[in-house]
């Protein structure tokens, strides 16, 4: 029998601790958190408001630094990188989707999606062409030149997902991606996230309090009072 080798990790965290000190009071938001996300895997991080799940996602996405512990992207530790190197790695290997889409209102859908490539200093024509390809993949071929104010909530979130995918990241980090949508639109977004994972092979780490979305994932991680538990060993 041929041995099936496990897929490599695109994202890994080891012993993350995050503390904030304000007015002489220290609050420990994360307590010794370790996890991994394998290539092509869909992981849901489930927890109530204030449990530390968004803080964890910010650390995984290199948007913040831990008090102690470290993060690896594609097997590379990031704690020794300066901010320029961190930003470059974030742009190349990670994508982001938030509860609120954070689209630029003065730019069309295609230009919003192309923005990460333009930031990378790719030529505008090539960046827009790649953006058009991804917008077709998320079902928005008829809305490419529309501005965010002309799109529905679900369409804006699809644009945000396309923007996360345009750089061909190893992993997309999604923070409550359906939290601002009605149930019907949320279910449509669920299906799209599944398509992205299954057809494109993109790993997903999704923070959510929605059990229906979490149930779609290969694994569910549960966070409570800054501590993470999992059925499998990280």
Foldseek 3Di string as FASTA:
>chain_A
DDDDDFAAFQKWWFQFWAWDADPNDIATQAGGDIDTFGFLFEEEEAEDPSLNPVVVLCQRLVVDDTPDTFMDGRNHTCPPPDPVVSVVCSLQAEFEAELQLPFDQVAFLLCSLLVSVVVVVDDPVVSSVLSCVLCVLLPNNVRRRPGPVVDDPLSSRSSSVSSRPSSPHREYEYEASCVNDDPVSSVSVLVSVVCCSPVVRRYYYYYHNDVVSNVPGPWYWYGGSNYIDGPDDD
